[in-house]
Amino acid sequence: MYSNTRPTTQNTRSRYHATYMPAQREYMKDLVMIIEDDKELSEIMKDYLLREDYAVEQVFDGNLALNEIKRTQPKVILLDIMLPNLDGIEIIKEIRGILNIPVIVISAKSAESDKLIMLGLGADDYMIKPFSMREMTARVKGQIRRENIFSQKTDKAKVFGDLKINSENFKATVNEVEIQLTAKEFKLLDFLTSNQGRVFTKQQLMDSVWGYDGFVDENTVSVCIARLREKLAAFNIDGIKTVWGVGYKWQD
């Protein structure tokens, strides 16, 4: 049973912004940013995340959100679509050009087309309102866990002709020109190229790249594969092969 007491010791508030830290700040906490203009919902989300020992930043305005993302670079972003001044669609378009921070979209829009649009733009997960707070914290934990696993990788860069994939800095380049990939697109490319020649079903890719906590379906994998292929094709790279009736593989 959760207590109604808010476990915060310091906060700075303005009309559009607030930051909270856990009570016992013995070490740097992972920062989760909530971009949601419904302040009541944002408060509930904040309290659950603080109980899980995360630092939390709340932003209620789309324009301010972009500046805060660049300034603080949180571990995970929880992003509403309908926001004042700048909506979630424009926010994710902007940040995907510069950062690979995991983004979990939180929205009342339940149509599959809305979900596919946001995933196609680079969202890592999609939650439909109303949602369980425990499910939300589980998804945040899953995203951070996978980010930590990828960031700890020490493999040397993989090279396939002109294509170079560096798992340490999350960059894929062709002749030193960076391919602009979302976090999930890079992880998918990194995973397939690390297992060259091996065929993976969509379910296996979901388990290995998104993980159980991702709550994704096979359409999500298809969209990500299609967008990754499109970006690679712009550099004349066609290493992702379809094995009909089975799945996908990387073949240089």
C-alpha atoms as a PDB file:
ATOM      1  CA  MET A   1       0.000   0.000   0.000  1.00  0.00           C
ATOM      2  CA  TYR A   2       1.451   3.341  -0.999  1.00  0.00           C
ATOM      3  CA  SER A   3       1.661   6.218   1.448  1.00  0.00           C
ATOM      4  CA  ASN A   4       0.131   9.577   0.536  1.00  0.00           C
ATOM      5  CA  THR A   5       3.244  11.350   1.822  1.00  0.00           C
ATOM      6  CA  ARG A   6       5.316  12.844  -0.989  1.00  0.00           C
ATOM      7  CA  PRO A   7       8.970  11.783  -0.520  1.00  0.00           C
ATOM      8  CA  THR A   8      10.570  15.039  -1.601  1.00  0.00           C
ATOM      9  CA  THR A   9      13.066  17.274   0.171  1.00  0.00           C
ATOM     10  CA  GLN A  10      13.686  19.950  -2.413  1.00  0.00           C
ATOM     11  CA  ASN A  11      11.841  21.390  -5.372  1.00  0.00           C
ATOM     12  CA  THR A  12      11.872  24.437  -7.581  1.00  0.00           C
ATOM     13  CA  ARG A  13       8.585  25.458  -9.171  1.00  0.00           C
ATOM     14  CA  SER A  14       7.387  27.818 -11.794  1.00  0.00           C
ATOM     15  CA  ARG A  15       4.175  27.888 -13.752  1.00  0.00           C
ATOM     16  CA  TYR A  16       5.575  25.556 -16.403  1.00  0.00           C
ATOM     17  CA  HIS A  17       8.337  23.615 -14.700  1.00  0.00           C
ATOM     18  CA  ALA A  18       9.293  21.715 -11.524  1.00  0.00           C
ATOM     19  CA  THR A  19      12.198  19.506 -10.434  1.00  0.00           C
ATOM     20  CA  TYR A  20      12.218  16.972  -7.591  1.00  0.00           C
ATOM     21  CA  MET A  21      14.927  14.808  -6.037  1.00  0.00           C
ATOM     22  CA  PRO A  22      14.535  11.710  -3.802  1.00  0.00           C
ATOM     23  CA  ALA A  23      14.838  12.231  -0.049  1.00  0.00           C
ATOM     24  CA  GLN A  24      18.127  10.365   0.411  1.00  0.00           C
ATOM     25  CA  ARG A  25      20.343  11.612  -2.395  1.00  0.00           C
ATOM     26  CA  GLU A  26      23.508   9.643  -1.623  1.00  0.00           C
ATOM     27  CA  TYR A  27      24.420   9.307  -5.285  1.00  0.00           C
ATOM     28  CA  MET A  28      23.310  10.710  -8.604  1.00  0.00           C
ATOM     29  CA  LYS A  29      19.835   9.435  -9.439  1.00  0.00           C
ATOM     30  CA  ASP A  30      18.584   8.596 -12.911  1.00  0.00           C
ATOM     31  CA  LEU A  31      16.511  11.551 -14.112  1.00  0.00           C
ATOM     32  CA  VAL A  32      13.071  10.943 -15.631  1.00  0.00           C
ATOM     33  CA  MET A  33      11.396  13.881 -17.385  1.00  0.00           C
ATOM     34  CA  ILE A  34       7.592  14.079 -17.470  1.00  0.00           C
ATOM     35  CA  ILE A  35       6.284  16.326 -20.254  1.00  0.00           C
ATOM     36  CA  GLU A  36       2.582  16.503 -19.489  1.00  0.00           C
ATOM     37  CA  ASP A  37       0.327  19.567 -19.190  1.00  0.00           C
ATOM     38  CA  ASP A  38      -2.223  17.797 -16.975  1.00  0.00           C
ATOM     39  CA  LYS A  39      -0.657  18.799 -13.665  1.00  0.00           C
ATOM     40  CA  GLU A  40      -2.758  16.428 -11.574  1.00  0.00           C
ATOM     41  CA  LEU A  41      -1.667  13.432 -13.674  1.00  0.00           C
ATOM     42  CA  SER A  42       1.926  14.682 -13.721  1.00  0.00           C
ATOM     43  CA  GLU A  43       1.925  14.885  -9.911  1.00  0.00           C
ATOM     44  CA  ILE A  44       0.719  11.293  -9.562  1.00  0.00           C
ATOM     45  CA  MET A  45       3.348  10.068 -12.034  1.00  0.00           C
ATOM     46  CA  LYS A  46       6.025  12.055 -10.215  1.00  0.00           C
ATOM     47  CA  ASP A  47       5.173  10.541  -6.830  1.00  0.00           C
ATOM     48  CA  TYR A  48       5.323   6.979  -8.129  1.00  0.00           C
ATOM     49  CA  LEU A  49       8.677   7.610  -9.822  1.00  0.00           C
ATOM     50  CA  LEU A  50      10.128   9.209  -6.687  1.00  0.00           C
ATOM     51  CA  ARG A  51       9.137   6.127  -4.719  1.00  0.00           C
ATOM     52  CA  GLU A  52      11.235   4.119  -7.185  1.00  0.00           C
ATOM     53  CA  ASP A  53      14.225   6.358  -6.334  1.00  0.00           C
ATOM     54  CA  TYR A  54      14.344   8.373  -9.548  1.00  0.00           C
ATOM     55  CA  ALA A  55      14.907  12.095  -9.800  1.00  0.00           C
ATOM     56  CA  VAL A  56      11.982  13.700 -11.626  1.00  0.00           C
ATOM     57  CA  GLU A  57      11.653  16.818 -13.747  1.00  0.00           C
ATOM     58  CA  GLN A  58       8.167  18.000 -14.708  1.00  0.00           C
ATOM     59  CA  VAL A  59       7.563  20.225 -17.719  1.00  0.00           C
ATOM     60  CA  PHE A  60       4.101  21.460 -18.676  1.00  0.00           C
ATOM     61  CA  ASP A  61       4.899  23.445 -21.843  1.00  0.00           C
ATOM     62  CA  GLY A  62       6.157  22.160 -25.197  1.00  0.00           C
ATOM     63  CA  ASN A  63       8.594  24.965 -25.965  1.00  0.00           C
ATOM     64  CA  LEU A  64      10.200  24.789 -22.541  1.00  0.00           C
ATOM     65  CA  ALA A  65      10.448  21.003 -22.843  1.00  0.00           C
ATOM     66  CA  LEU A  66      12.897  21.224 -25.749  1.00  0.00           C
ATOM     67  CA  ASN A  67      15.238  23.499 -23.844  1.00  0.00           C
ATOM     68  CA  GLU A  68      15.081  21.341 -20.721  1.00  0.00           C
ATOM     69  CA  ILE A  69      15.752  18.123 -22.662  1.00  0.00           C
ATOM     70  CA  LYS A  70      18.907  19.634 -24.163  1.00  0.00           C
ATOM     71  CA  ARG A  71      19.994  21.060 -20.810  1.00  0.00           C
ATOM     72  CA  THR A  72      19.433  18.086 -18.506  1.00  0.00           C
ATOM     73  CA  GLN A  73      19.486  15.107 -20.956  1.00  0.00           C
ATOM     74  CA  PRO A  74      17.299  12.809 -18.826  1.00  0.00           C
ATOM     75  CA  LYS A  75      17.544   9.028 -18.834  1.00  0.00           C
ATOM     76  CA  VAL A  76      13.929   8.613 -20.007  1.00  0.00           C
ATOM     77  CA  ILE A  77      11.245  11.006 -21.256  1.00  0.00           C
ATOM     78  CA  LEU A  78       7.521  10.466 -20.673  1.00  0.00           C
ATOM     79  CA  LEU A  79       5.916  12.558 -23.423  1.00  0.00           C
ATOM     80  CA  ASP A  80       2.307  13.618 -23.919  1.00  0.00           C
ATOM     81  CA  ILE A  81       1.230  14.441 -27.475  1.00  0.00           C
ATOM     82  CA  MET A  82      -1.226  17.286 -26.830  1.00  0.00           C
ATOM     83  CA  LEU A  83       0.822  20.097 -25.242  1.00  0.00           C
ATOM     84  CA  PRO A  84       0.550  23.908 -25.207  1.00  0.00           C
ATOM     85  CA  ASN A  85       2.754  25.878 -27.652  1.00  0.00           C
ATOM     86  CA  LEU A  86       4.528  22.840 -29.146  1.00  0.00           C
ATOM     87  CA  ASP A  87       3.032  19.350 -29.396  1.00  0.00           C
ATOM     88  CA  GLY A  88       4.692  16.014 -28.708  1.00  0.00           C
ATOM     89  CA  ILE A  89       5.021  15.193 -32.409  1.00  0.00           C
ATOM     90  CA  GLU A  90       7.192  18.258 -33.028  1.00  0.00           C
ATOM     91  CA  ILE A  91       9.180  17.622 -29.841  1.00  0.00           C
ATOM     92  CA  ILE A  92      10.122  14.088 -30.825  1.00  0.00           C
ATOM     93  CA  LYS A  93      11.040  15.234 -34.341  1.00  0.00           C
ATOM     94  CA  GLU A  94      13.385  17.831 -32.847  1.00  0.00           C
ATOM     95  CA  ILE A  95      15.106  15.662 -30.260  1.00  0.00           C
ATOM     96  CA  ARG A  96      15.558  12.646 -32.522  1.00  0.00           C
ATOM     97  CA  GLY A  97      17.892  14.714 -34.682  1.00  0.00           C
ATOM     98  CA  ILE A  98      20.285  15.291 -31.788  1.00  0.00           C
ATOM     99  CA  LEU A  99      19.708  12.803 -28.947  1.00  0.00           C
ATOM    100  CA  ASN A 100      19.014   9.087 -28.434  1.00  0.00           C
ATOM    101  CA  ILE A 101      17.143   9.401 -25.131  1.00  0.00           C
ATOM    102  CA  PRO A 102      14.370   6.776 -24.762  1.00  0.00           C
ATOM    103  CA  VAL A 103      10.914   8.313 -25.174  1.00  0.00           C
ATOM    104  CA  ILE A 104       7.721   6.756 -23.841  1.00  0.00           C
ATOM    105  CA  VAL A 105       4.666   8.444 -25.336  1.00  0.00           C
ATOM    106  CA  ILE A 106       1.659   8.847 -22.997  1.00  0.00           C
ATOM    107  CA  SER A 107      -1.535   9.706 -24.848  1.00  0.00           C
ATOM    108  CA  ALA A 108      -5.311   9.333 -24.879  1.00  0.00           C
ATOM    109  CA  LYS A 109      -5.052   8.646 -28.625  1.00  0.00           C
ATOM    110  CA  SER A 110      -5.703   4.907 -28.889  1.00  0.00           C
ATOM    111  CA  ALA A 111      -5.862   4.348 -32.658  1.00  0.00           C
ATOM    112  CA  GLU A 112      -3.186   2.091 -34.097  1.00  0.00           C
ATOM    113  CA  SER A 113      -2.342   4.792 -36.656  1.00  0.00           C
ATOM    114  CA  ASP A 114      -1.465   7.248 -33.863  1.00  0.00           C
ATOM    115  CA  LYS A 115       0.774   4.685 -32.216  1.00  0.00           C
ATOM    116  CA  LEU A 116       2.535   3.834 -35.485  1.00  0.00           C
ATOM    117  CA  ILE A 117       3.116   7.516 -36.276  1.00  0.00           C
ATOM    118  CA  MET A 118       4.862   8.132 -32.956  1.00  0.00           C
ATOM    119  CA  LEU A 119       6.863   4.910 -33.106  1.00  0.00           C
ATOM    120  CA  GLY A 120       7.803   5.757 -36.662  1.00  0.00           C
ATOM    121  CA  LEU A 121       9.064   9.166 -35.546  1.00  0.00           C
ATOM    122  CA  GLY A 122      11.321   7.526 -32.992  1.00  0.00           C
ATOM    123  CA  ALA A 123       9.299   6.835 -29.842  1.00  0.00           C
ATOM    124  CA  ASP A 124      10.455   3.756 -27.953  1.00  0.00           C
ATOM    125  CA  ASP A 125       7.135   2.893 -26.339  1.00  0.00           C
ATOM    126  CA  TYR A 126       3.499   4.065 -26.286  1.00  0.00           C
ATOM    127  CA  MET A 127       1.107   4.058 -23.334  1.00  0.00           C
ATOM    128  CA  ILE A 128      -2.616   4.779 -23.708  1.00  0.00           C
ATOM    129  CA  LYS A 129      -4.342   6.858 -21.034  1.00  0.00           C
ATOM    130  CA  PRO A 130      -5.592   5.960 -18.537  1.00  0.00           C
ATOM    131  CA  PHE A 131      -2.736   3.647 -17.563  1.00  0.00           C
ATOM    132  CA  SER A 132      -1.475   1.866 -14.468  1.00  0.00           C
ATOM    133  CA  MET A 133       1.226   3.754 -12.547  1.00  0.00           C
ATOM    134  CA  ARG A 134       2.923   0.483 -11.725  1.00  0.00           C
ATOM    135  CA  GLU A 135       2.977  -0.402 -15.397  1.00  0.00           C
ATOM    136  CA  MET A 136       4.464   3.027 -16.126  1.00  0.00           C
ATOM    137  CA  THR A 137       7.296   2.541 -13.617  1.00  0.00           C
ATOM    138  CA  ALA A 138       7.931  -0.957 -15.020  1.00  0.00           C
ATOM    139  CA  ARG A 139       8.307   0.461 -18.507  1.00  0.00           C
ATOM    140  CA  VAL A 140      10.634   3.213 -17.281  1.00  0.00           C
ATOM    141  CA  LYS A 141      12.770   0.616 -15.498  1.00  0.00           C
ATOM    142  CA  GLY A 142      12.893  -1.489 -18.650  1.00  0.00           C
ATOM    143  CA  GLN A 143      14.055   1.416 -20.802  1.00  0.00           C
ATOM    144  CA  ILE A 144      16.767   2.424 -18.316  1.00  0.00           C
ATOM    145  CA  ARG A 145      17.935  -1.164 -17.913  1.00  0.00           C
ATOM    146  CA  ARG A 146      18.404  -1.589 -21.646  1.00  0.00           C
ATOM    147  CA  GLU A 147      20.107   1.797 -21.962  1.00  0.00           C
ATOM    148  CA  ASN A 148      22.571   0.790 -19.250  1.00  0.00           C
ATOM    149  CA  ILE A 149      23.306  -2.517 -20.956  1.00  0.00           C
ATOM    150  CA  PHE A 150      24.044  -0.813 -24.273  1.00  0.00           C
ATOM    151  CA  SER A 151      26.112   1.965 -22.685  1.00  0.00           C
ATOM    152  CA  GLN A 152      28.330  -0.588 -20.924  1.00  0.00           C
ATOM    153  CA  LYS A 153      29.282  -2.326 -24.147  1.00  0.00           C
ATOM    154  CA  THR A 154      32.989  -2.103 -24.883  1.00  0.00           C
ATOM    155  CA  ASP A 155      33.127  -3.794 -28.273  1.00  0.00           C
ATOM    156  CA  LYS A 156      35.240  -2.149 -30.927  1.00  0.00           C
ATOM    157  CA  ALA A 157      33.397  -0.615 -33.833  1.00  0.00           C
ATOM    158  CA  LYS A 158      32.055  -3.071 -36.382  1.00  0.00           C
ATOM    159  CA  VAL A 159      32.926  -2.345 -40.009  1.00  0.00           C
ATOM    160  CA  PHE A 160      30.997  -3.535 -43.053  1.00  0.00           C
ATOM    161  CA  GLY A 161      32.556  -1.936 -46.093  1.00  0.00           C
ATOM    162  CA  ASP A 162      31.931   1.803 -45.780  1.00  0.00           C
ATOM    163  CA  LEU A 163      29.523   1.282 -42.864  1.00  0.00           C
ATOM    164  CA  LYS A 164      30.967   1.682 -39.369  1.00  0.00           C
ATOM    165  CA  ILE A 165      28.887   0.907 -36.263  1.00  0.00           C
ATOM    166  CA  ASN A 166      30.200   2.091 -32.904  1.00  0.00           C
ATOM    167  CA  SER A 167      28.318   0.652 -29.926  1.00  0.00           C
ATOM    168  CA  GLU A 168      30.129   2.885 -27.446  1.00  0.00           C
ATOM    169  CA  ASN A 169      28.885   6.205 -28.792  1.00  0.00           C
ATOM    170  CA  PHE A 170      25.670   4.954 -30.471  1.00  0.00           C
ATOM    171  CA  LYS A 171      26.800   6.102 -33.910  1.00  0.00           C
ATOM    172  CA  ALA A 172      26.602   4.547 -37.341  1.00  0.00           C
ATOM    173  CA  THR A 173      28.592   6.254 -40.100  1.00  0.00           C
ATOM    174  CA  VAL A 174      29.263   5.793 -43.790  1.00  0.00           C
ATOM    175  CA  ASN A 175      32.567   7.307 -44.896  1.00  0.00           C
ATOM    176  CA  GLU A 176      32.553   9.327 -41.637  1.00  0.00           C
ATOM    177  CA  VAL A 177      29.064  10.764 -42.340  1.00  0.00           C
ATOM    178  CA  GLU A 178      26.692   9.922 -39.496  1.00  0.00           C
ATOM    179  CA  ILE A 179      23.395   8.185 -40.244  1.00  0.00           C
ATOM    180  CA  GLN A 180      20.725   9.874 -38.129  1.00  0.00           C
ATOM    181  CA  LEU A 181      19.128   6.968 -36.266  1.00  0.00           C
ATOM    182  CA  THR A 182      16.733   6.842 -33.346  1.00  0.00           C
ATOM    183  CA  ALA A 183      17.789   4.889 -30.254  1.00  0.00           C
ATOM    184  CA  LYS A 184      15.735   1.845 -31.245  1.00  0.00           C
ATOM    185  CA  GLU A 185      16.889   1.968 -34.874  1.00  0.00           C
ATOM    186  CA  PHE A 186      20.502   1.980 -33.732  1.00  0.00           C
ATOM    187  CA  LYS A 187      19.931  -0.867 -31.271  1.00  0.00           C
ATOM    188  CA  LEU A 188      18.215  -2.912 -33.965  1.00  0.00           C
ATOM    189  CA  LEU A 189      21.102  -2.303 -36.372  1.00  0.00           C
ATOM    190  CA  ASP A 190      23.657  -3.047 -33.663  1.00  0.00           C
ATOM    191  CA  PHE A 191      21.907  -6.278 -32.700  1.00  0.00           C
ATOM    192  CA  LEU A 192      21.524  -7.583 -36.254  1.00  0.00           C
ATOM    193  CA  THR A 193      25.102  -6.740 -37.242  1.00  0.00           C
ATOM    194  CA  SER A 194      26.417  -8.332 -34.044  1.00  0.00           C
ATOM    195  CA  ASN A 195      24.751 -11.579 -35.161  1.00  0.00           C
ATOM    196  CA  GLN A 196      25.548 -11.470 -38.863  1.00  0.00           C
ATOM    197  CA  GLY A 197      23.918 -14.237 -40.876  1.00  0.00           C
ATOM    198  CA  ARG A 198      21.597 -15.367 -38.086  1.00  0.00           C
ATOM    199  CA  VAL A 199      17.863 -15.151 -38.792  1.00  0.00           C
ATOM    200  CA  PHE A 200      15.606 -13.616 -36.134  1.00  0.00           C
ATOM    201  CA  THR A 201      11.830 -13.713 -35.966  1.00  0.00           C
ATOM    202  CA  LYS A 202       9.929 -10.543 -35.093  1.00  0.00           C
ATOM    203  CA  GLN A 203       9.266 -11.979 -31.635  1.00  0.00           C
ATOM    204  CA  GLN A 204      12.976 -12.596 -31.071  1.00  0.00           C
ATOM    205  CA  LEU A 205      13.766  -9.026 -32.118  1.00  0.00           C
ATOM    206  CA  MET A 206      11.066  -7.728 -29.788  1.00  0.00           C
ATOM    207  CA  ASP A 207      12.569  -9.685 -26.894  1.00  0.00           C
ATOM    208  CA  SER A 208      16.181  -8.737 -27.650  1.00  0.00           C
ATOM    209  CA  VAL A 209      15.859  -5.086 -28.704  1.00  0.00           C
ATOM    210  CA  TRP A 210      12.659  -3.857 -27.019  1.00  0.00           C
ATOM    211  CA  GLY A 211      12.523  -6.352 -24.162  1.00  0.00           C
ATOM    212  CA  TYR A 212       9.452  -7.659 -22.374  1.00  0.00           C
ATOM    213  CA  ASP A 213       8.783  -4.307 -20.734  1.00  0.00           C
ATOM    214  CA  GLY A 214       8.471  -2.624 -24.119  1.00  0.00           C
ATOM    215  CA  PHE A 215       4.848  -3.797 -24.614  1.00  0.00           C
ATOM    216  CA  VAL A 216       5.267  -3.630 -28.371  1.00  0.00           C
ATOM    217  CA  ASP A 217       3.788  -5.763 -31.123  1.00  0.00           C
ATOM    218  CA  GLU A 218       5.032  -7.102 -34.455  1.00  0.00           C
ATOM    219  CA  ASN A 219       3.852  -3.988 -36.296  1.00  0.00           C
ATOM    220  CA  THR A 220       6.291  -1.954 -34.218  1.00  0.00           C
ATOM    221  CA  VAL A 221       9.162  -4.159 -35.408  1.00  0.00           C
ATOM    222  CA  SER A 222       8.011  -3.887 -39.030  1.00  0.00           C
ATOM    223  CA  VAL A 223       7.863  -0.084 -38.844  1.00  0.00           C
ATOM    224  CA  CYS A 224      11.315   0.134 -37.262  1.00  0.00           C
ATOM    225  CA  ILE A 225      12.813  -2.239 -39.850  1.00  0.00           C
ATOM    226  CA  ALA A 226      11.255  -0.241 -42.694  1.00  0.00           C
ATOM    227  CA  ARG A 227      12.565   3.100 -41.395  1.00  0.00           C
ATOM    228  CA  LEU A 228      16.025   1.664 -40.731  1.00  0.00           C
ATOM    229  CA  ARG A 229      16.173   0.218 -44.246  1.00  0.00           C
ATOM    230  CA  GLU A 230      15.104   3.566 -45.682  1.00  0.00           C
ATOM    231  CA  LYS A 231      17.868   5.411 -43.840  1.00  0.00           C
ATOM    232  CA  LEU A 232      20.502   2.843 -44.808  1.00  0.00           C
ATOM    233  CA  ALA A 233      19.343   2.868 -48.437  1.00  0.00           C
ATOM    234  CA  ALA A 234      20.124   6.587 -48.619  1.00  0.00           C
ATOM    235  CA  PHE A 235      23.760   5.511 -48.207  1.00  0.00           C
ATOM    236  CA  ASN A 236      23.421   2.534 -50.584  1.00  0.00           C
ATOM    237  CA  ILE A 237      23.484   0.044 -47.700  1.00  0.00           C
ATOM    238  CA  ASP A 238      21.107  -2.934 -47.998  1.00  0.00           C
ATOM    239  CA  GLY A 239      22.372  -5.399 -45.403  1.00  0.00           C
ATOM    240  CA  ILE A 240      19.007  -6.155 -43.781  1.00  0.00           C
ATOM    241  CA  LYS A 241      17.554  -9.158 -45.570  1.00  0.00           C
ATOM    242  CA  THR A 242      14.065 -10.602 -45.256  1.00  0.00           C
ATOM    243  CA  VAL A 243      13.817 -14.366 -44.901  1.00  0.00           C
ATOM    244  CA  TRP A 244      10.241 -14.882 -46.012  1.00  0.00           C
ATOM    245  CA  GLY A 245       8.047 -16.663 -43.528  1.00  0.00           C
ATOM    246  CA  VAL A 246      10.728 -16.491 -40.839  1.00  0.00           C
ATOM    247  CA  GLY A 247      12.147 -13.043 -40.124  1.00  0.00           C
ATOM    248  CA  TYR A 248      15.206 -10.884 -40.771  1.00  0.00           C
ATOM    249  CA  LYS A 249      18.967 -11.126 -40.825  1.00  0.00           C
ATOM    250  CA  TRP A 250      22.021  -8.996 -41.541  1.00  0.00           C
ATOM    251  CA  GLN A 251      24.055 -10.123 -44.521  1.00  0.00           C
ATOM    252  CA  ASP A 252      26.890  -7.896 -45.676  1.00  0.00           C
END
